[in-house]
Amino acid sequence: MSTLQVTEFRSAVPHAAVSAATMPGWQRQGKLWSNLKEVCDLLRIPVSARVNSDEFQFQHMQFKTGQRIHTIGQPFDMLYIVYSGFLKSVMIDETGSEQVLGFPMKGDMFGIDGIHSRQYSTETVALSNCEVILVPFKIFSSLGRTHSEMEAAIYGVMSRELVREQAMVGTLGSLSAEARVARFLVFLSERFTDMGYSGKQFNLRMTRQEIGNYLGLTLETVSRTFSAFNAIGLISVDQRAVVLNDVQALRTLRRLPPSQSRSKQRPAASRQLSAA
């Protein structure tokens, strides 16, 4: 890593990250740096053979549960990639109400909302002890100027994150509460499988309240739906520990429209949906 890159990196490290790494009693474990190839592998994009991976080094930072990685209004200078752990990205309105936008996990990039206005319009909070890779936007821009294919690949990752959010949020209004919860569980199952973990048995790092906020449901509705799924054997729930007993049934259920819409359908079709 060149002297210029080190200087630019240090000037771009957010204050929250610095305080997290230097707070009293902080025990630093895990990796300190990742080269470009390691970052690209994490993002699941190819790295050009023309790029010297070791020329670009990206620092890791650890955060404890509840710590904010960046805040709303903070000047934008950094993109972030989740190396381990679970987080939530939120938007806060003028009344102080929180809207959960997503739950970044391993291999996800966040902070892209700051590119347009040069300040973050959201904030991201650690739901568990986590480790993130810091990607100074100056270095990303420098890389893009000399290696256009890398720039295109990383913009593709940004697009992937936006499409993922739209796929979840964009269809919620046309789905029943049961379908929303089923869709969320299937989404988590697929993400855990992609990360190499069990897609049928996992712990929820987010609360029922946070799930409801994300899905546009009340806490009571989320809890009632979990209990109903548990009662009919689709899942087994023990506080935050979840076992998906019938993933295929959840995949079918995630397309179920609201009950009011179902009542307008033909009786035969309605019976088929109810049976699903």
C-alpha atoms as a PDB file:
ATOM      1  CA  MET A   1       0.000   0.000   0.000  1.00  0.00           C
ATOM      2  CA  SER A   2       1.483   3.317  -1.040  1.00  0.00           C
ATOM      3  CA  THR A   3       2.098   6.214   1.351  1.00  0.00           C
ATOM      4  CA  LEU A   4      -0.573   8.220  -0.478  1.00  0.00           C
ATOM      5  CA  GLN A   5      -3.128   5.444  -0.073  1.00  0.00           C
ATOM      6  CA  VAL A   6      -2.344   5.092   3.645  1.00  0.00           C
ATOM      7  CA  THR A   7      -2.705   8.857   4.164  1.00  0.00           C
ATOM      8  CA  GLU A   8      -5.983   8.973   2.253  1.00  0.00           C
ATOM      9  CA  PHE A   9      -7.268   5.965   4.150  1.00  0.00           C
ATOM     10  CA  ARG A  10      -6.479   7.357   7.585  1.00  0.00           C
ATOM     11  CA  SER A  11      -8.080  10.695   6.743  1.00  0.00           C
ATOM     12  CA  ALA A  12     -11.218   8.891   5.595  1.00  0.00           C
ATOM     13  CA  VAL A  13     -11.707   6.536   8.563  1.00  0.00           C
ATOM     14  CA  PRO A  14     -14.929   7.595  10.339  1.00  0.00           C
ATOM     15  CA  HIS A  15     -14.766   8.799  13.939  1.00  0.00           C
ATOM     16  CA  ALA A  16     -17.141   6.042  15.053  1.00  0.00           C
ATOM     17  CA  ALA A  17     -14.796   3.389  13.709  1.00  0.00           C
ATOM     18  CA  VAL A  18     -11.764   4.961  15.372  1.00  0.00           C
ATOM     19  CA  SER A  19     -13.478   5.216  18.748  1.00  0.00           C
ATOM     20  CA  ALA A  20     -14.688   1.614  18.479  1.00  0.00           C
ATOM     21  CA  ALA A  21     -11.194   0.331  17.867  1.00  0.00           C
ATOM     22  CA  THR A  22      -9.538   2.391  20.608  1.00  0.00           C
ATOM     23  CA  MET A  23     -12.138   2.285  23.389  1.00  0.00           C
ATOM     24  CA  PRO A  24     -10.878   1.053  26.810  1.00  0.00           C
ATOM     25  CA  GLY A  25     -10.807  -2.720  27.141  1.00  0.00           C
ATOM     26  CA  TRP A  26     -11.351  -3.274  23.424  1.00  0.00           C
ATOM     27  CA  GLN A  27      -9.928  -6.654  22.429  1.00  0.00           C
ATOM     28  CA  ARG A  28      -8.874  -6.639  18.774  1.00  0.00           C
ATOM     29  CA  GLN A  29      -9.259 -10.016  17.118  1.00  0.00           C
ATOM     30  CA  GLY A  30      -9.565 -11.292  13.570  1.00  0.00           C
ATOM     31  CA  LYS A  31      -8.104  -9.827  10.394  1.00  0.00           C
ATOM     32  CA  LEU A  32      -6.572  -6.369  10.261  1.00  0.00           C
ATOM     33  CA  TRP A  33      -6.544  -5.909   6.493  1.00  0.00           C
ATOM     34  CA  SER A  34      -7.907  -7.523   3.315  1.00  0.00           C
ATOM     35  CA  ASN A  35      -6.414  -7.127  -0.132  1.00  0.00           C
ATOM     36  CA  LEU A  36      -8.506  -6.407  -3.218  1.00  0.00           C
ATOM     37  CA  LYS A  37      -8.913 -10.066  -4.212  1.00  0.00           C
ATOM     38  CA  GLU A  38     -10.209 -10.968  -0.759  1.00  0.00           C
ATOM     39  CA  VAL A  39     -12.691  -8.110  -0.905  1.00  0.00           C
ATOM     40  CA  CYS A  40     -13.849  -9.126  -4.373  1.00  0.00           C
ATOM     41  CA  ASP A  41     -14.265 -12.745  -3.255  1.00  0.00           C
ATOM     42  CA  LEU A  42     -16.423 -11.554  -0.368  1.00  0.00           C
ATOM     43  CA  LEU A  43     -18.554  -9.492  -2.758  1.00  0.00           C
ATOM     44  CA  ARG A  44     -18.686 -12.429  -5.210  1.00  0.00           C
ATOM     45  CA  ILE A  45     -17.262 -10.475  -8.127  1.00  0.00           C
ATOM     46  CA  PRO A  46     -14.219 -11.281 -10.315  1.00  0.00           C
ATOM     47  CA  VAL A  47     -10.971  -9.353  -9.938  1.00  0.00           C
ATOM     48  CA  SER A  48      -9.103  -8.425 -13.079  1.00  0.00           C
ATOM     49  CA  ALA A  49      -5.814 -10.209 -13.641  1.00  0.00           C
ATOM     50  CA  ARG A  50      -4.343  -6.821 -14.560  1.00  0.00           C
ATOM     51  CA  VAL A  51      -4.870  -5.516 -11.022  1.00  0.00           C
ATOM     52  CA  ASN A  52      -2.220  -6.069  -8.382  1.00  0.00           C
ATOM     53  CA  SER A  53      -4.421  -7.158  -5.480  1.00  0.00           C
ATOM     54  CA  ASP A  54      -1.810  -6.360  -2.866  1.00  0.00           C
ATOM     55  CA  GLU A  55      -1.559  -2.781  -4.069  1.00  0.00           C
ATOM     56  CA  PHE A  56      -4.916  -2.064  -2.426  1.00  0.00           C
ATOM     57  CA  GLN A  57      -5.392  -2.909   1.238  1.00  0.00           C
ATOM     58  CA  PHE A  58      -8.634  -2.316   3.125  1.00  0.00           C
ATOM     59  CA  GLN A  59      -8.807  -2.097   6.904  1.00  0.00           C
ATOM     60  CA  HIS A  60     -11.156  -4.115   9.113  1.00  0.00           C
ATOM     61  CA  MET A  61     -12.998  -2.529  12.020  1.00  0.00           C
ATOM     62  CA  GLN A  62     -14.932  -4.271  14.766  1.00  0.00           C
ATOM     63  CA  PHE A  63     -18.093  -2.948  16.389  1.00  0.00           C
ATOM     64  CA  LYS A  64     -20.000  -4.131  19.411  1.00  0.00           C
ATOM     65  CA  THR A  65     -23.743  -4.743  19.535  1.00  0.00           C
ATOM     66  CA  GLY A  66     -25.578  -1.434  19.498  1.00  0.00           C
ATOM     67  CA  GLN A  67     -22.738   0.650  18.066  1.00  0.00           C
ATOM     68  CA  ARG A  68     -23.405   2.797  15.008  1.00  0.00           C
ATOM     69  CA  ILE A  69     -21.104   2.374  12.042  1.00  0.00           C
ATOM     70  CA  HIS A  70     -22.261   5.656  10.472  1.00  0.00           C
ATOM     71  CA  THR A  71     -25.016   8.136  11.301  1.00  0.00           C
ATOM     72  CA  ILE A  72     -27.507  10.252   9.369  1.00  0.00           C
ATOM     73  CA  GLY A  73     -25.961  13.523   8.206  1.00  0.00           C
ATOM     74  CA  GLN A  74     -22.382  12.316   8.669  1.00  0.00           C
ATOM     75  CA  PRO A  75     -20.154  13.382   5.750  1.00  0.00           C
ATOM     76  CA  PHE A  76     -19.803  10.571   3.242  1.00  0.00           C
ATOM     77  CA  ASP A  77     -16.314   9.256   2.609  1.00  0.00           C
ATOM     78  CA  MET A  78     -16.578   5.513   3.103  1.00  0.00           C
ATOM     79  CA  LEU A  79     -18.298   2.416   1.762  1.00  0.00           C
ATOM     80  CA  TYR A  80     -18.612  -0.590   4.067  1.00  0.00           C
ATOM     81  CA  ILE A  81     -18.625  -4.345   3.494  1.00  0.00           C
ATOM     82  CA  VAL A  82     -19.817  -6.773   6.152  1.00  0.00           C
ATOM     83  CA  TYR A  83     -17.119  -9.312   6.971  1.00  0.00           C
ATOM     84  CA  SER A  84     -19.011 -10.946   9.851  1.00  0.00           C
ATOM     85  CA  GLY A  85     -21.995 -10.256  12.056  1.00  0.00           C
ATOM     86  CA  PHE A  86     -25.410  -8.712  11.510  1.00  0.00           C
ATOM     87  CA  LEU A  87     -26.553  -5.099  11.259  1.00  0.00           C
ATOM     88  CA  LYS A  88     -29.618  -3.034  10.487  1.00  0.00           C
ATOM     89  CA  SER A  89     -29.884   0.025   8.248  1.00  0.00           C
ATOM     90  CA  VAL A  90     -32.530   2.537   9.264  1.00  0.00           C
ATOM     91  CA  MET A  91     -33.982   5.884   8.262  1.00  0.00           C
ATOM     92  CA  ILE A  92     -35.292   8.262  10.929  1.00  0.00           C
ATOM     93  CA  ASP A  93     -37.991  10.814  10.083  1.00  0.00           C
ATOM     94  CA  GLU A  94     -38.521  14.278  11.518  1.00  0.00           C
ATOM     95  CA  THR A  95     -40.611  12.869  14.387  1.00  0.00           C
ATOM     96  CA  GLY A  96     -37.830  10.495  15.425  1.00  0.00           C
ATOM     97  CA  SER A  97     -39.625   7.388  14.152  1.00  0.00           C
ATOM     98  CA  GLU A  98     -37.346   4.657  12.855  1.00  0.00           C
ATOM     99  CA  GLN A  99     -37.924   2.782   9.602  1.00  0.00           C
ATOM    100  CA  VAL A 100     -35.849  -0.363   9.099  1.00  0.00           C
ATOM    101  CA  LEU A 101     -34.590  -0.550   5.516  1.00  0.00           C
ATOM    102  CA  GLY A 102     -32.570  -3.744   5.632  1.00  0.00           C
ATOM    103  CA  PHE A 103     -30.373  -6.126   7.569  1.00  0.00           C
ATOM    104  CA  PRO A 104     -26.849  -6.170   6.100  1.00  0.00           C
ATOM    105  CA  MET A 105     -24.924  -9.378   6.679  1.00  0.00           C
ATOM    106  CA  LYS A 106     -21.772 -11.079   5.424  1.00  0.00           C
ATOM    107  CA  GLY A 107     -20.834 -10.001   1.900  1.00  0.00           C
ATOM    108  CA  ASP A 108     -23.232  -7.046   1.809  1.00  0.00           C
ATOM    109  CA  MET A 109     -22.110  -3.508   0.980  1.00  0.00           C
ATOM    110  CA  PHE A 110     -23.733  -0.532   2.684  1.00  0.00           C
ATOM    111  CA  GLY A 111     -23.232   3.217   2.884  1.00  0.00           C
ATOM    112  CA  ILE A 112     -24.024   3.733  -0.796  1.00  0.00           C
ATOM    113  CA  ASP A 113     -26.833   6.157   0.108  1.00  0.00           C
ATOM    114  CA  GLY A 114     -24.163   8.763   0.826  1.00  0.00           C
ATOM    115  CA  ILE A 115     -22.776   8.930  -2.712  1.00  0.00           C
ATOM    116  CA  HIS A 116     -25.380  11.326  -4.114  1.00  0.00           C
ATOM    117  CA  SER A 117     -25.463  14.064  -1.464  1.00  0.00           C
ATOM    118  CA  ARG A 118     -22.031  13.371   0.036  1.00  0.00           C
ATOM    119  CA  GLN A 119     -23.612  12.644   3.388  1.00  0.00           C
ATOM    120  CA  TYR A 120     -25.369   9.561   4.722  1.00  0.00           C
ATOM    121  CA  SER A 121     -29.174   9.667   4.677  1.00  0.00           C
ATOM    122  CA  THR A 122     -29.407   6.504   6.769  1.00  0.00           C
ATOM    123  CA  GLU A 123     -27.581   5.012   9.715  1.00  0.00           C
ATOM    124  CA  THR A 124     -26.383   1.481  10.266  1.00  0.00           C
ATOM    125  CA  VAL A 125     -26.318  -0.173  13.678  1.00  0.00           C
ATOM    126  CA  ALA A 126     -24.680  -3.433  14.785  1.00  0.00           C
ATOM    127  CA  LEU A 127     -27.227  -6.062  15.855  1.00  0.00           C
ATOM    128  CA  SER A 128     -24.390  -8.304  17.026  1.00  0.00           C
ATOM    129  CA  ASN A 129     -20.656  -7.961  17.477  1.00  0.00           C
ATOM    130  CA  CYS A 130     -19.550  -7.505  13.912  1.00  0.00           C
ATOM    131  CA  GLU A 131     -16.589  -6.790  11.690  1.00  0.00           C
ATOM    132  CA  VAL A 132     -16.734  -4.561   8.626  1.00  0.00           C
ATOM    133  CA  ILE A 133     -14.252  -3.720   5.888  1.00  0.00           C
ATOM    134  CA  LEU A 134     -13.761  -0.017   5.196  1.00  0.00           C
ATOM    135  CA  VAL A 135     -13.536   1.044   1.559  1.00  0.00           C
ATOM    136  CA  PRO A 136     -12.576   4.743   1.268  1.00  0.00           C
ATOM    137  CA  PHE A 137     -14.472   6.196  -1.651  1.00  0.00           C
ATOM    138  CA  LYS A 138     -11.336   8.049  -2.798  1.00  0.00           C
ATOM    139  CA  ILE A 139      -9.541   4.745  -3.273  1.00  0.00           C
ATOM    140  CA  PHE A 140     -12.552   3.224  -5.015  1.00  0.00           C
ATOM    141  CA  SER A 141     -12.648   6.194  -7.408  1.00  0.00           C
ATOM    142  CA  SER A 142      -8.921   5.900  -8.038  1.00  0.00           C
ATOM    143  CA  LEU A 143      -9.306   2.199  -8.775  1.00  0.00           C
ATOM    144  CA  GLY A 144     -12.174   2.927 -11.159  1.00  0.00           C
ATOM    145  CA  ARG A 145     -10.141   5.436 -13.150  1.00  0.00           C
ATOM    146  CA  THR A 146      -7.434   2.885 -13.927  1.00  0.00           C
ATOM    147  CA  HIS A 147      -9.495  -0.320 -14.031  1.00  0.00           C
ATOM    148  CA  SER A 148     -12.925   0.338 -15.532  1.00  0.00           C
ATOM    149  CA  GLU A 149     -13.980  -3.295 -15.308  1.00  0.00           C
ATOM    150  CA  MET A 150     -13.509  -3.209 -11.531  1.00  0.00           C
ATOM    151  CA  GLU A 151     -15.556  -0.033 -11.265  1.00  0.00           C
ATOM    152  CA  ALA A 152     -18.365  -1.658 -13.264  1.00  0.00           C
ATOM    153  CA  ALA A 153     -18.283  -4.757 -11.057  1.00  0.00           C
ATOM    154  CA  ILE A 154     -18.526  -2.741  -7.837  1.00  0.00           C
ATOM    155  CA  TYR A 155     -21.359  -0.613  -9.216  1.00  0.00           C
ATOM    156  CA  GLY A 156     -23.001  -3.925 -10.054  1.00  0.00           C
ATOM    157  CA  VAL A 157     -22.766  -4.845  -6.366  1.00  0.00           C
ATOM    158  CA  MET A 158     -24.424  -1.544  -5.433  1.00  0.00           C
ATOM    159  CA  SER A 159     -27.212  -2.257  -7.900  1.00  0.00           C
ATOM    160  CA  ARG A 160     -27.607  -5.748  -6.456  1.00  0.00           C
ATOM    161  CA  GLU A 161     -28.161  -4.289  -2.994  1.00  0.00           C
ATOM    162  CA  LEU A 162     -30.817  -1.886  -4.304  1.00  0.00           C
ATOM    163  CA  VAL A 163     -32.596  -4.622  -6.269  1.00  0.00           C
ATOM    164  CA  ARG A 164     -32.621  -6.837  -3.186  1.00  0.00           C
ATOM    165  CA  GLU A 165     -34.265  -4.092  -1.129  1.00  0.00           C
ATOM    166  CA  GLN A 166     -36.807  -3.381  -3.849  1.00  0.00           C
ATOM    167  CA  ALA A 167     -37.657  -7.076  -4.227  1.00  0.00           C
ATOM    168  CA  MET A 168     -38.520  -7.257  -0.536  1.00  0.00           C
ATOM    169  CA  VAL A 169     -40.160  -3.894   0.090  1.00  0.00           C
ATOM    170  CA  GLY A 170     -41.802  -3.289  -3.293  1.00  0.00           C
ATOM    171  CA  THR A 171     -44.251  -6.199  -3.030  1.00  0.00           C
ATOM    172  CA  LEU A 172     -45.189  -5.966   0.653  1.00  0.00           C
ATOM    173  CA  GLY A 173     -48.334  -3.917   0.120  1.00  0.00           C
ATOM    174  CA  SER A 174     -49.915  -6.659  -1.992  1.00  0.00           C
ATOM    175  CA  LEU A 175     -49.148  -9.503   0.402  1.00  0.00           C
ATOM    176  CA  SER A 176     -50.821 -10.842   3.519  1.00  0.00           C
ATOM    177  CA  ALA A 177     -49.105 -10.683   6.903  1.00  0.00           C
ATOM    178  CA  GLU A 178     -48.472 -14.428   6.683  1.00  0.00           C
ATOM    179  CA  ALA A 179     -46.901 -14.043   3.236  1.00  0.00           C
ATOM    180  CA  ARG A 180     -44.664 -11.195   4.412  1.00  0.00           C
ATOM    181  CA  VAL A 181     -43.305 -13.206   7.324  1.00  0.00           C
ATOM    182  CA  ALA A 182     -42.903 -16.294   5.114  1.00  0.00           C
ATOM    183  CA  ARG A 183     -41.057 -14.218   2.506  1.00  0.00           C
ATOM    184  CA  PHE A 184     -38.743 -12.852   5.200  1.00  0.00           C
ATOM    185  CA  LEU A 185     -37.956 -16.338   6.556  1.00  0.00           C
ATOM    186  CA  VAL A 186     -37.259 -17.669   3.051  1.00  0.00           C
ATOM    187  CA  PHE A 187     -35.058 -14.637   2.381  1.00  0.00           C
ATOM    188  CA  LEU A 188     -33.031 -15.360   5.538  1.00  0.00           C
ATOM    189  CA  SER A 189     -32.826 -19.049   4.640  1.00  0.00           C
ATOM    190  CA  GLU A 190     -31.385 -18.235   1.225  1.00  0.00           C
ATOM    191  CA  ARG A 191     -28.929 -15.720   2.643  1.00  0.00           C
ATOM    192  CA  PHE A 192     -27.649 -18.124   5.286  1.00  0.00           C
ATOM    193  CA  THR A 193     -27.279 -20.825   2.629  1.00  0.00           C
ATOM    194  CA  ASP A 194     -25.293 -18.433   0.415  1.00  0.00           C
ATOM    195  CA  MET A 195     -22.973 -17.717   3.351  1.00  0.00           C
ATOM    196  CA  GLY A 196     -22.320 -21.427   3.834  1.00  0.00           C
ATOM    197  CA  TYR A 197     -24.478 -21.821   6.942  1.00  0.00           C
ATOM    198  CA  SER A 198     -27.593 -23.874   7.559  1.00  0.00           C
ATOM    199  CA  GLY A 199     -30.587 -22.470   5.726  1.00  0.00           C
ATOM    200  CA  LYS A 200     -33.025 -24.380   7.898  1.00  0.00           C
ATOM    201  CA  GLN A 201     -31.818 -23.627  11.413  1.00  0.00           C
ATOM    202  CA  PHE A 202     -30.577 -20.213  12.534  1.00  0.00           C
ATOM    203  CA  ASN A 203     -30.878 -17.508  15.169  1.00  0.00           C
ATOM    204  CA  LEU A 204     -32.680 -14.258  14.495  1.00  0.00           C
ATOM    205  CA  ARG A 205     -30.419 -11.341  15.371  1.00  0.00           C
ATOM    206  CA  MET A 206     -33.240  -8.844  14.994  1.00  0.00           C
ATOM    207  CA  THR A 207     -36.198  -8.459  17.364  1.00  0.00           C
ATOM    208  CA  ARG A 208     -39.825  -9.119  16.445  1.00  0.00           C
ATOM    209  CA  GLN A 209     -40.319  -5.351  16.628  1.00  0.00           C
ATOM    210  CA  GLU A 210     -37.553  -4.780  14.055  1.00  0.00           C
ATOM    211  CA  ILE A 211     -38.958  -7.489  11.795  1.00  0.00           C
ATOM    212  CA  GLY A 212     -42.390  -5.881  11.984  1.00  0.00           C
ATOM    213  CA  ASN A 213     -40.955  -2.447  11.262  1.00  0.00           C
ATOM    214  CA  TYR A 214     -39.180  -3.831   8.198  1.00  0.00           C
ATOM    215  CA  LEU A 215     -42.243  -5.707   6.933  1.00  0.00           C
ATOM    216  CA  GLY A 216     -44.804  -3.004   7.726  1.00  0.00           C
ATOM    217  CA  LEU A 217     -46.465  -5.077  10.455  1.00  0.00           C
ATOM    218  CA  THR A 218     -47.085  -4.573  14.144  1.00  0.00           C
ATOM    219  CA  LEU A 219     -45.116  -6.434  16.777  1.00  0.00           C
ATOM    220  CA  GLU A 220     -48.277  -8.290  17.765  1.00  0.00           C
ATOM    221  CA  THR A 221     -48.929  -9.417  14.179  1.00  0.00           C
ATOM    222  CA  VAL A 222     -45.382 -10.726  13.749  1.00  0.00           C
ATOM    223  CA  SER A 223     -45.520 -12.595  17.071  1.00  0.00           C
ATOM    224  CA  ARG A 224     -48.965 -14.029  16.253  1.00  0.00           C
ATOM    225  CA  THR A 225     -47.804 -15.165  12.804  1.00  0.00           C
ATOM    226  CA  PHE A 226     -44.702 -16.849  14.226  1.00  0.00           C
ATOM    227  CA  SER A 227     -46.919 -18.636  16.755  1.00  0.00           C
ATOM    228  CA  ALA A 228     -49.337 -19.724  14.017  1.00  0.00           C
ATOM    229  CA  PHE A 229     -46.506 -21.069  11.840  1.00  0.00           C
ATOM    230  CA  ASN A 230     -45.155 -22.897  14.874  1.00  0.00           C
ATOM    231  CA  ALA A 231     -48.568 -24.369  15.730  1.00  0.00           C
ATOM    232  CA  ILE A 232     -49.103 -25.865  12.262  1.00  0.00           C
ATOM    233  CA  GLY A 233     -45.534 -27.189  12.087  1.00  0.00           C
ATOM    234  CA  LEU A 234     -44.090 -24.960   9.377  1.00  0.00           C
ATOM    235  CA  ILE A 235     -41.420 -23.752  11.789  1.00  0.00           C
ATOM    236  CA  SER A 236     -40.208 -24.410  15.322  1.00  0.00           C
ATOM    237  CA  VAL A 237     -39.491 -21.336  17.416  1.00  0.00           C
ATOM    238  CA  ASP A 238     -37.670 -20.979  20.713  1.00  0.00           C
ATOM    239  CA  GLN A 239     -37.278 -17.259  21.365  1.00  0.00           C
ATOM    240  CA  ARG A 240     -34.830 -16.200  18.616  1.00  0.00           C
ATOM    241  CA  ALA A 241     -33.876 -19.734  17.542  1.00  0.00           C
ATOM    242  CA  VAL A 242     -35.822 -20.785  14.426  1.00  0.00           C
ATOM    243  CA  VAL A 243     -36.019 -24.085  12.573  1.00  0.00           C
ATOM    244  CA  LEU A 244     -37.722 -24.137   9.184  1.00  0.00           C
ATOM    245  CA  ASN A 245     -39.506 -27.475   9.039  1.00  0.00           C
ATOM    246  CA  ASP A 246     -41.137 -26.969   5.638  1.00  0.00           C
ATOM    247  CA  VAL A 247     -39.270 -24.491   3.441  1.00  0.00           C
ATOM    248  CA  GLN A 248     -41.296 -25.409   0.352  1.00  0.00           C
ATOM    249  CA  ALA A 249     -44.566 -24.583   2.108  1.00  0.00           C
ATOM    250  CA  LEU A 250     -43.098 -21.233   3.144  1.00  0.00           C
ATOM    251  CA  ARG A 251     -42.077 -20.590  -0.473  1.00  0.00           C
ATOM    252  CA  THR A 252     -45.676 -21.206  -1.541  1.00  0.00           C
ATOM    253  CA  LEU A 253     -47.107 -19.155   1.299  1.00  0.00           C
ATOM    254  CA  ARG A 254     -44.912 -16.142   0.542  1.00  0.00           C
ATOM    255  CA  ARG A 255     -47.029 -15.436  -2.569  1.00  0.00           C
ATOM    256  CA  LEU A 256     -50.336 -15.358  -0.680  1.00  0.00           C
ATOM    257  CA  PRO A 257     -52.219 -12.056  -1.208  1.00  0.00           C
ATOM    258  CA  PRO A 258     -54.131 -10.318   1.601  1.00  0.00           C
ATOM    259  CA  SER A 259     -57.289 -12.104   2.794  1.00  0.00           C
ATOM    260  CA  GLN A 260     -59.486  -9.293   1.408  1.00  0.00           C
ATOM    261  CA  SER A 261     -58.083  -9.889  -2.074  1.00  0.00           C
ATOM    262  CA  ARG A 262     -58.407 -13.659  -1.721  1.00  0.00           C
ATOM    263  CA  SER A 263     -62.107 -13.345  -0.890  1.00  0.00           C
ATOM    264  CA  LYS A 264     -62.720 -11.744  -4.301  1.00  0.00           C
ATOM    265  CA  GLN A 265     -61.186 -14.638  -6.175  1.00  0.00           C
ATOM    266  CA  ARG A 266     -63.076 -17.620  -7.548  1.00  0.00           C
ATOM    267  CA  PRO A 267     -64.017 -20.177  -4.867  1.00  0.00           C
ATOM    268  CA  ALA A 268     -61.810 -22.898  -6.356  1.00  0.00           C
ATOM    269  CA  ALA A 269     -58.762 -20.670  -6.502  1.00  0.00           C
ATOM    270  CA  SER A 270     -59.500 -19.414  -3.014  1.00  0.00           C
ATOM    271  CA  ARG A 271     -59.649 -22.977  -1.676  1.00  0.00           C
ATOM    272  CA  GLN A 272     -56.306 -23.769  -3.307  1.00  0.00           C
ATOM    273  CA  LEU A 273     -54.665 -20.731  -1.685  1.00  0.00           C
ATOM    274  CA  SER A 274     -56.160 -21.567   1.684  1.00  0.00           C
ATOM    275  CA  ALA A 275     -54.867 -25.118   1.388  1.00  0.00           C
ATOM    276  CA  ALA A 276     -51.409 -23.723   0.581  1.00  0.00           C
END
